Amino acid sequence: GLVGHITIANSAPDGYTLGVITIETTMFEAQGLPGAAPE
């Protein structure tokens, strides 16, 4: 799920790329996987 979540987070903030996020986004950072934290 990291690839898709990072794709959403790195998209232009214009509203034309949105996404479905799942609870895994709360867990990536604790696993040492940056780029998709809730913030």
PDB file of all heavy atoms in Angstrom:
ATOM      1  N   GLY A   1       0.793  -1.224   0.000  1.00  0.00           N
ATOM      2  CA  GLY A   1       0.000   0.000   0.000  1.00  0.00           C
ATOM      3  C   GLY A   1       0.822   1.270   0.000  1.00  0.00           C
ATOM      4  O   GLY A   1       0.290   2.360  -0.230  1.00  0.00           O
ATOM      5  N   LEU A   2       2.128   1.160   0.245  1.00  0.00           N
ATOM      6  CA  LEU A   2       2.976   2.351   0.347  1.00  0.00           C
ATOM      7  C   LEU A   2       3.035   3.117  -0.971  1.00  0.00           C
ATOM      8  O   LEU A   2       2.961   4.346  -0.982  1.00  0.00           O
ATOM      9  CB  LEU A   2       4.385   1.959   0.792  1.00  0.00           C
ATOM     10  CG  LEU A   2       5.379   3.112   0.979  1.00  0.00           C
ATOM     11  CD1 LEU A   2       4.930   4.042   2.097  1.00  0.00           C
ATOM     12  CD2 LEU A   2       6.774   2.556   1.282  1.00  0.00           C
ATOM     13  N   VAL A   3       3.158   2.403  -2.089  1.00  0.00           N
ATOM     14  CA  VAL A   3       3.297   3.059  -3.393  1.00  0.00           C
ATOM     15  C   VAL A   3       2.085   3.951  -3.682  1.00  0.00           C
ATOM     16  O   VAL A   3       2.219   5.117  -4.060  1.00  0.00           O
ATOM     17  CB  VAL A   3       3.486   2.014  -4.505  1.00  0.00           C
ATOM     18  CG1 VAL A   3       3.392   2.677  -5.888  1.00  0.00           C
ATOM     19  CG2 VAL A   3       4.826   1.315  -4.361  1.00  0.00           C
ATOM     20  N   GLY A   4       0.898   3.402  -3.511  1.00  0.00           N
ATOM     21  CA  GLY A   4      -0.305   4.174  -3.789  1.00  0.00           C
ATOM     22  C   GLY A   4      -0.490   5.342  -2.842  1.00  0.00           C
ATOM     23  O   GLY A   4      -0.865   6.447  -3.254  1.00  0.00           O
ATOM     24  N   HIS A   5      -0.205   5.116  -1.557  1.00  0.00           N
ATOM     25  CA  HIS A   5      -0.351   6.205  -0.588  1.00  0.00           C
ATOM     26  C   HIS A   5       0.646   7.335  -0.877  1.00  0.00           C
ATOM     27  O   HIS A   5       0.286   8.526  -0.789  1.00  0.00           O
ATOM     28  CB  HIS A   5      -0.165   5.671   0.837  1.00  0.00           C
ATOM     29  CG  HIS A   5      -1.371   4.973   1.373  1.00  0.00           C
ATOM     30  ND1 HIS A   5      -1.486   3.604   1.378  1.00  0.00           N
ATOM     31  CD2 HIS A   5      -2.521   5.441   1.925  1.00  0.00           C
ATOM     32  CE1 HIS A   5      -2.651   3.264   1.913  1.00  0.00           C
ATOM     33  NE2 HIS A   5      -3.294   4.359   2.256  1.00  0.00           N
ATOM     34  N   ILE A   6       1.865   6.988  -1.230  1.00  0.00           N
ATOM     35  CA  ILE A   6       2.844   8.023  -1.569  1.00  0.00           C
ATOM     36  C   ILE A   6       2.429   8.768  -2.837  1.00  0.00           C
ATOM     37  O   ILE A   6       2.619   9.983  -2.952  1.00  0.00           O
ATOM     38  CB  ILE A   6       4.249   7.412  -1.721  1.00  0.00           C
ATOM     39  CG1 ILE A   6       4.811   7.052  -0.336  1.00  0.00           C
ATOM     40  CG2 ILE A   6       5.202   8.358  -2.431  1.00  0.00           C
ATOM     41  CD1 ILE A   6       6.190   6.426  -0.374  1.00  0.00           C
ATOM     42  N   THR A   7       1.847   8.042  -3.788  1.00  0.00           N
ATOM     43  CA  THR A   7       1.362   8.688  -5.010  1.00  0.00           C
ATOM     44  C   THR A   7       0.329   9.759  -4.689  1.00  0.00           C
ATOM     45  O   THR A   7       0.358  10.862  -5.247  1.00  0.00           O
ATOM     46  CB  THR A   7       0.762   7.641  -5.966  1.00  0.00           C
ATOM     47  OG1 THR A   7       1.757   6.675  -6.300  1.00  0.00           O
ATOM     48  CG2 THR A   7       0.259   8.301  -7.239  1.00  0.00           C
ATOM     49  N   ILE A   8      -0.574   9.439  -3.779  1.00  0.00           N
ATOM     50  CA  ILE A   8      -1.583  10.437  -3.372  1.00  0.00           C
ATOM     51  C   ILE A   8      -0.901  11.620  -2.703  1.00  0.00           C
ATOM     52  O   ILE A   8      -1.165  12.783  -3.036  1.00  0.00           O
ATOM     53  CB  ILE A   8      -2.607   9.805  -2.407  1.00  0.00           C
ATOM     54  CG1 ILE A   8      -3.338   8.640  -3.066  1.00  0.00           C
ATOM     55  CG2 ILE A   8      -3.619  10.854  -1.931  1.00  0.00           C
ATOM     56  CD1 ILE A   8      -4.120   7.767  -2.086  1.00  0.00           C
ATOM     57  N   ALA A   9      -0.015  11.334  -1.749  1.00  0.00           N
ATOM     58  CA  ALA A   9       0.630  12.400  -0.976  1.00  0.00           C
ATOM     59  C   ALA A   9       1.482  13.308  -1.851  1.00  0.00           C
ATOM     60  O   ALA A   9       1.597  14.510  -1.581  1.00  0.00           O
ATOM     61  CB  ALA A   9       1.495  11.786   0.130  1.00  0.00           C
ATOM     62  N   ASN A  10       2.083  12.766  -2.916  1.00  0.00           N
ATOM     63  CA  ASN A  10       2.983  13.538  -3.769  1.00  0.00           C
ATOM     64  C   ASN A  10       2.282  14.211  -4.946  1.00  0.00           C
ATOM     65  O   ASN A  10       2.931  14.874  -5.753  1.00  0.00           O
ATOM     66  CB  ASN A  10       4.098  12.639  -4.314  1.00  0.00           C
ATOM     67  CG  ASN A  10       5.109  12.255  -3.247  1.00  0.00           C
ATOM     68  OD1 ASN A  10       5.125  12.829  -2.157  1.00  0.00           O
ATOM     69  ND2 ASN A  10       5.946  11.289  -3.544  1.00  0.00           N
ATOM     70  N   SER A  11       0.990  14.046  -5.055  1.00  0.00           N
ATOM     71  CA  SER A  11       0.258  14.648  -6.164  1.00  0.00           C
ATOM     72  C   SER A  11       0.136  16.159  -5.991  1.00  0.00           C
ATOM     73  O   SER A  11       0.254  16.689  -4.876  1.00  0.00           O
ATOM     74  CB  SER A  11      -1.144  14.036  -6.264  1.00  0.00           C
ATOM     75  OG  SER A  11      -1.077  12.652  -6.504  1.00  0.00           O
ATOM     76  N   ALA A  12      -0.094  16.842  -7.088  1.00  0.00           N
ATOM     77  CA  ALA A  12      -0.316  18.297  -7.023  1.00  0.00           C
ATOM     78  C   ALA A  12      -1.555  18.578  -6.187  1.00  0.00           C
ATOM     79  O   ALA A  12      -2.590  17.922  -6.361  1.00  0.00           O
ATOM     80  CB  ALA A  12      -0.487  18.856  -8.430  1.00  0.00           C
ATOM     81  N   PRO A  13      -1.489  19.547  -5.271  1.00  0.00           N
ATOM     82  CA  PRO A  13      -2.630  19.830  -4.390  1.00  0.00           C
ATOM     83  C   PRO A  13      -3.690  20.691  -5.076  1.00  0.00           C
ATOM     84  O   PRO A  13      -4.041  21.776  -4.615  1.00  0.00           O
ATOM     85  CB  PRO A  13      -1.976  20.563  -3.216  1.00  0.00           C
ATOM     86  CG  PRO A  13      -0.818  21.272  -3.838  1.00  0.00           C
ATOM     87  CD  PRO A  13      -0.305  20.358  -4.930  1.00  0.00           C
ATOM     88  N   ASP A  14      -4.199  20.197  -6.201  1.00  0.00           N
ATOM     89  CA  ASP A  14      -5.199  20.960  -6.955  1.00  0.00           C
ATOM     90  C   ASP A  14      -6.561  20.276  -6.980  1.00  0.00           C
ATOM     91  O   ASP A  14      -7.508  20.795  -7.575  1.00  0.00           O
ATOM     92  CB  ASP A  14      -4.709  21.204  -8.384  1.00  0.00           C
ATOM     93  CG  ASP A  14      -4.370  19.910  -9.128  1.00  0.00           C
ATOM     94  OD1 ASP A  14      -4.672  18.813  -8.606  1.00  0.00           O
ATOM     95  OD2 ASP A  14      -3.801  19.994 -10.231  1.00  0.00           O
ATOM     96  N   GLY A  15      -6.664  19.096  -6.363  1.00  0.00           N
ATOM     97  CA  GLY A  15      -7.943  18.404  -6.304  1.00  0.00           C
ATOM     98  C   GLY A  15      -8.197  17.453  -7.448  1.00  0.00           C
ATOM     99  O   GLY A  15      -9.257  16.803  -7.479  1.00  0.00           O
ATOM    100  N   TYR A  16      -7.257  17.327  -8.379  1.00  0.00           N
ATOM    101  CA  TYR A  16      -7.486  16.461  -9.531  1.00  0.00           C
ATOM    102  C   TYR A  16      -6.832  15.090  -9.391  1.00  0.00           C
ATOM    103  O   TYR A  16      -7.003  14.235 -10.253  1.00  0.00           O
ATOM    104  CB  TYR A  16      -7.062  17.168 -10.817  1.00  0.00           C
ATOM    105  CG  TYR A  16      -8.018  18.290 -11.134  1.00  0.00           C
ATOM    106  CD1 TYR A  16      -7.728  19.609 -10.783  1.00  0.00           C
ATOM    107  CD2 TYR A  16      -9.258  18.029 -11.704  1.00  0.00           C
ATOM    108  CE1 TYR A  16      -8.625  20.632 -11.024  1.00  0.00           C
ATOM    109  CE2 TYR A  16     -10.171  19.043 -11.941  1.00  0.00           C
ATOM    110  CZ  TYR A  16      -9.853  20.346 -11.594  1.00  0.00           C
ATOM    111  OH  TYR A  16     -10.762  21.354 -11.826  1.00  0.00           O
ATOM    112  N   THR A  17      -6.100  14.888  -8.317  1.00  0.00           N
ATOM    113  CA  THR A  17      -5.655  13.543  -7.930  1.00  0.00           C
ATOM    114  C   THR A  17      -5.961  13.369  -6.456  1.00  0.00           C
ATOM    115  O   THR A  17      -5.354  14.020  -5.611  1.00  0.00           O
ATOM    116  CB  THR A  17      -4.158  13.330  -8.187  1.00  0.00           C
ATOM    117  OG1 THR A  17      -3.884  13.500  -9.578  1.00  0.00           O
ATOM    118  CG2 THR A  17      -3.757  11.904  -7.796  1.00  0.00           C
ATOM    119  N   LEU A  18      -6.940  12.524  -6.189  1.00  0.00           N
ATOM    120  CA  LEU A  18      -7.327  12.191  -4.828  1.00  0.00           C
ATOM    121  C   LEU A  18      -7.086  10.696  -4.645  1.00  0.00           C
ATOM    122  O   LEU A  18      -6.522  10.043  -5.515  1.00  0.00           O
ATOM    123  CB  LEU A  18      -8.793  12.546  -4.581  1.00  0.00           C
ATOM    124  CG  LEU A  18      -9.198  13.994  -4.876  1.00  0.00           C
ATOM    125  CD1 LEU A  18     -10.709  14.168  -4.710  1.00  0.00           C
ATOM    126  CD2 LEU A  18      -8.448  14.960  -3.978  1.00  0.00           C
ATOM    127  N   GLY A  19      -7.491  10.139  -3.526  1.00  0.00           N
ATOM    128  CA  GLY A  19      -7.301   8.711  -3.348  1.00  0.00           C
ATOM    129  C   GLY A  19      -8.035   8.186  -2.141  1.00  0.00           C
ATOM    130  O   GLY A  19      -8.587   8.945  -1.331  1.00  0.00           O
ATOM    131  N   VAL A  20      -8.061   6.878  -2.057  1.00  0.00           N
ATOM    132  CA  VAL A  20      -8.617   6.196  -0.891  1.00  0.00           C
ATOM    133  C   VAL A  20      -7.455   5.795   0.001  1.00  0.00           C
ATOM    134  O   VAL A  20      -6.538   5.089  -0.437  1.00  0.00           O
ATOM    135  CB  VAL A  20      -9.421   4.947  -1.297  1.00  0.00           C
ATOM    136  CG1 VAL A  20      -9.916   4.198  -0.060  1.00  0.00           C
ATOM    137  CG2 VAL A  20     -10.599   5.344  -2.176  1.00  0.00           C
ATOM    138  N   ILE A  21      -7.467   6.253   1.234  1.00  0.00           N
ATOM    139  CA  ILE A  21      -6.420   5.859   2.172  1.00  0.00           C
ATOM    140  C   ILE A  21      -6.989   4.853   3.165  1.00  0.00           C
ATOM    141  O   ILE A  21      -8.190   4.857   3.458  1.00  0.00           O
ATOM    142  CB  ILE A  21      -5.778   7.047   2.909  1.00  0.00           C
ATOM    143  CG1 ILE A  21      -6.744   7.671   3.916  1.00  0.00           C
ATOM    144  CG2 ILE A  21      -5.267   8.083   1.930  1.00  0.00           C
ATOM    145  CD1 ILE A  21      -6.055   8.589   4.899  1.00  0.00           C
ATOM    146  N   THR A  22      -6.122   3.981   3.625  1.00  0.00           N
ATOM    147  CA  THR A  22      -6.516   2.937   4.569  1.00  0.00           C
ATOM    148  C   THR A  22      -5.668   3.061   5.825  1.00  0.00           C
ATOM    149  O   THR A  22      -4.751   3.876   5.896  1.00  0.00           O
ATOM    150  CB  THR A  22      -6.364   1.546   3.931  1.00  0.00           C
ATOM    151  OG1 THR A  22      -5.012   1.382   3.490  1.00  0.00           O
ATOM    152  CG2 THR A  22      -7.301   1.389   2.741  1.00  0.00           C
ATOM    153  N   ILE A  23      -5.968   2.237   6.805  1.00  0.00           N
ATOM    154  CA  ILE A  23      -5.337   2.376   8.115  1.00  0.00           C
ATOM    155  C   ILE A  23      -3.825   2.158   8.064  1.00  0.00           C
ATOM    156  O   ILE A  23      -3.099   2.591   8.960  1.00  0.00           O
ATOM    157  CB  ILE A  23      -6.003   1.421   9.123  1.00  0.00           C
ATOM    158  CG1 ILE A  23      -5.693   1.840  10.573  1.00  0.00           C
ATOM    159  CG2 ILE A  23      -5.607  -0.025   8.838  1.00  0.00           C
ATOM    160  CD1 ILE A  23      -6.525   1.128  11.608  1.00  0.00           C
ATOM    161  N   GLU A  24      -3.346   1.542   6.991  1.00  0.00           N
ATOM    162  CA  GLU A  24      -1.904   1.337   6.870  1.00  0.00           C
ATOM    163  C   GLU A  24      -1.125   2.644   6.894  1.00  0.00           C
ATOM    164  O   GLU A  24       0.056   2.657   7.266  1.00  0.00           O
ATOM    165  CB  GLU A  24      -1.591   0.555   5.592  1.00  0.00           C
ATOM    166  CG  GLU A  24      -1.810  -0.928   5.686  1.00  0.00           C
ATOM    167  CD  GLU A  24      -3.275  -1.337   5.616  1.00  0.00           C
ATOM    168  OE1 GLU A  24      -4.139  -0.480   5.302  1.00  0.00           O
ATOM    169  OE2 GLU A  24      -3.569  -2.513   5.869  1.00  0.00           O
ATOM    170  N   THR A  25      -1.755   3.743   6.509  1.00  0.00           N
ATOM    171  CA  THR A  25      -1.033   5.018   6.511  1.00  0.00           C
ATOM    172  C   THR A  25      -0.646   5.455   7.915  1.00  0.00           C
ATOM    173  O   THR A  25       0.238   6.293   8.085  1.00  0.00           O
ATOM    174  CB  THR A  25      -1.877   6.113   5.825  1.00  0.00           C
ATOM    175  OG1 THR A  25      -1.047   7.241   5.546  1.00  0.00           O
ATOM    176  CG2 THR A  25      -3.040   6.556   6.701  1.00  0.00           C
ATOM    177  N   THR A  26      -1.283   4.877   8.932  1.00  0.00           N
ATOM    178  CA  THR A  26      -0.905   5.181  10.317  1.00  0.00           C
ATOM    179  C   THR A  26       0.302   4.371  10.767  1.00  0.00           C
ATOM    180  O   THR A  26       0.832   4.605  11.855  1.00  0.00           O
ATOM    181  CB  THR A  26      -2.069   4.900  11.286  1.00  0.00           C
ATOM    182  OG1 THR A  26      -2.324   3.481  11.314  1.00  0.00           O
ATOM    183  CG2 THR A  26      -3.328   5.628  10.865  1.00  0.00           C
ATOM    184  N   MET A  27       0.750   3.427   9.936  1.00  0.00           N
ATOM    185  CA  MET A  27       1.750   2.456  10.355  1.00  0.00           C
ATOM    186  C   MET A  27       3.075   2.557   9.602  1.00  0.00           C
ATOM    187  O   MET A  27       4.090   2.036  10.060  1.00  0.00           O
ATOM    188  CB  MET A  27       1.175   1.047  10.175  1.00  0.00           C
ATOM    189  CG  MET A  27      -0.081   0.807  10.982  1.00  0.00           C
ATOM    190  SD  MET A  27      -1.095  -0.542  10.317  1.00  0.00           S
ATOM    191  CE  MET A  27       0.072  -1.886  10.397  1.00  0.00           C
ATOM    192  N   PHE A  28       3.078   3.195   8.445  1.00  0.00           N
ATOM    193  CA  PHE A  28       4.287   3.216   7.621  1.00  0.00           C
ATOM    194  C   PHE A  28       5.476   3.856   8.339  1.00  0.00           C
ATOM    195  O   PHE A  28       6.579   3.325   8.336  1.00  0.00           O
ATOM    196  CB  PHE A  28       4.028   3.969   6.315  1.00  0.00           C
ATOM    197  CG  PHE A  28       3.085   3.278   5.373  1.00  0.00           C
ATOM    198  CD1 PHE A  28       2.043   3.977   4.768  1.00  0.00           C
ATOM    199  CD2 PHE A  28       3.233   1.930   5.072  1.00  0.00           C
ATOM    200  CE1 PHE A  28       1.181   3.350   3.892  1.00  0.00           C
ATOM    201  CE2 PHE A  28       2.367   1.287   4.200  1.00  0.00           C
ATOM    202  CZ  PHE A  28       1.334   2.005   3.606  1.00  0.00           C
ATOM    203  N   GLU A  29       5.246   5.000   8.938  1.00  0.00           N
ATOM    204  CA  GLU A  29       6.340   5.755   9.531  1.00  0.00           C
ATOM    205  C   GLU A  29       7.021   4.957  10.646  1.00  0.00           C
ATOM    206  O   GLU A  29       8.253   4.963  10.769  1.00  0.00           O
ATOM    207  CB  GLU A  29       5.824   7.092  10.062  1.00  0.00           C
ATOM    208  CG  GLU A  29       6.911   8.092  10.363  1.00  0.00           C
ATOM    209  CD  GLU A  29       6.338   9.473  10.639  1.00  0.00           C
ATOM    210  OE1 GLU A  29       5.307   9.571  11.342  1.00  0.00           O
ATOM    211  OE2 GLU A  29       6.905  10.459  10.140  1.00  0.00           O
ATOM    212  N   ALA A  30       6.224   4.249  11.442  1.00  0.00           N
ATOM    213  CA  ALA A  30       6.788   3.460  12.531  1.00  0.00           C
ATOM    214  C   ALA A  30       7.633   2.304  12.011  1.00  0.00           C
ATOM    215  O   ALA A  30       8.476   1.772  12.734  1.00  0.00           O
ATOM    216  CB  ALA A  30       5.677   2.919  13.427  1.00  0.00           C
ATOM    217  N   GLN A  31       7.413   1.919  10.764  1.00  0.00           N
ATOM    218  CA  GLN A  31       8.206   0.861  10.147  1.00  0.00           C
ATOM    219  C   GLN A  31       9.436   1.409   9.428  1.00  0.00           C
ATOM    220  O   GLN A  31      10.137   0.655   8.752  1.00  0.00           O
ATOM    221  CB  GLN A  31       7.345   0.090   9.148  1.00  0.00           C
ATOM    222  CG  GLN A  31       6.150  -0.611   9.761  1.00  0.00           C
ATOM    223  CD  GLN A  31       5.261  -1.229   8.700  1.00  0.00           C
ATOM    224  OE1 GLN A  31       5.604  -2.226   8.082  1.00  0.00           O
ATOM    225  NE2 GLN A  31       4.118  -0.627   8.469  1.00  0.00           N
ATOM    226  N   GLY A  32       9.684   2.696   9.566  1.00  0.00           N
ATOM    227  CA  GLY A  32      10.806   3.303   8.886  1.00  0.00           C
ATOM    228  C   GLY A  32      10.550   3.567   7.421  1.00  0.00           C
ATOM    229  O   GLY A  32      11.497   3.642   6.620  1.00  0.00           O
ATOM    230  N   LEU A  33       9.274   3.733   7.046  1.00  0.00           N
ATOM    231  CA  LEU A  33       8.887   3.971   5.653  1.00  0.00           C
ATOM    232  C   LEU A  33       8.299   5.371   5.543  1.00  0.00           C
ATOM    233  O   LEU A  33       7.107   5.580   5.777  1.00  0.00           O
ATOM    234  CB  LEU A  33       7.868   2.923   5.193  1.00  0.00           C
ATOM    235  CG  LEU A  33       8.320   1.462   5.284  1.00  0.00           C
ATOM    236  CD1 LEU A  33       7.164   0.524   5.001  1.00  0.00           C
ATOM    237  CD2 LEU A  33       9.464   1.201   4.313  1.00  0.00           C
ATOM    238  N   PRO A  34       9.088   6.365   5.195  1.00  0.00           N
ATOM    239  CA  PRO A  34       8.600   7.741   5.129  1.00  0.00           C
ATOM    240  C   PRO A  34       7.794   7.993   3.861  1.00  0.00           C
ATOM    241  O   PRO A  34       7.821   7.218   2.914  1.00  0.00           O
ATOM    242  CB  PRO A  34       9.898   8.554   5.113  1.00  0.00           C
ATOM    243  CG  PRO A  34      10.882   7.652   4.426  1.00  0.00           C
ATOM    244  CD  PRO A  34      10.523   6.253   4.866  1.00  0.00           C
ATOM    245  N   GLY A  35       7.065   9.112   3.875  1.00  0.00           N
ATOM    246  CA  GLY A  35       6.381   9.561   2.675  1.00  0.00           C
ATOM    247  C   GLY A  35       4.882   9.444   2.693  1.00  0.00           C
ATOM    248  O   GLY A  35       4.213   9.943   1.783  1.00  0.00           O
ATOM    249  N   ALA A  36       4.310   8.775   3.693  1.00  0.00           N
ATOM    250  CA  ALA A  36       2.860   8.598   3.707  1.00  0.00           C
ATOM    251  C   ALA A  36       2.297   8.678   5.117  1.00  0.00           C
ATOM    252  O   ALA A  36       1.362   7.965   5.470  1.00  0.00           O
ATOM    253  CB  ALA A  36       2.490   7.266   3.065  1.00  0.00           C
ATOM    254  N   ALA A  37       2.848   9.550   5.947  1.00  0.00           N
ATOM    255  CA  ALA A  37       2.312   9.770   7.294  1.00  0.00           C
ATOM    256  C   ALA A  37       1.018  10.576   7.197  1.00  0.00           C
ATOM    257  O   ALA A  37       0.789  11.289   6.214  1.00  0.00           O
ATOM    258  CB  ALA A  37       3.332  10.509   8.149  1.00  0.00           C
ATOM    259  N   PRO A  38       0.131  10.475   8.184  1.00  0.00           N
ATOM    260  CA  PRO A  38      -1.137  11.198   8.130  1.00  0.00           C
ATOM    261  C   PRO A  38      -0.994  12.695   7.848  1.00  0.00           C
ATOM    262  O   PRO A  38      -1.847  13.291   7.176  1.00  0.00           O
ATOM    263  CB  PRO A  38      -1.748  10.940   9.516  1.00  0.00           C
ATOM    264  CG  PRO A  38      -1.206   9.600   9.898  1.00  0.00           C
ATOM    265  CD  PRO A  38       0.205   9.577   9.362  1.00  0.00           C
ATOM    266  N   GLU A  39       0.081  13.306   8.350  1.00  0.00           N
ATOM    267  CA  GLU A  39       0.268  14.752   8.151  1.00  0.00           C
ATOM    268  C   GLU A  39       0.543  15.110   6.695  1.00  0.00           C
ATOM    269  O   GLU A  39       0.471  16.285   6.320  1.00  0.00           O
ATOM    270  CB  GLU A  39       1.428  15.243   9.021  1.00  0.00           C
ATOM    271  CG  GLU A  39       1.138  15.260  10.509  1.00  0.00           C
ATOM    272  CD  GLU A  39       1.210  13.880  11.148  1.00  0.00           C
ATOM    273  OE1 GLU A  39       1.721  12.937  10.497  1.00  0.00           O
ATOM    274  OE2 GLU A  39       0.731  13.737  12.294  1.00  0.00           O
TER     275      GLU A  39
END
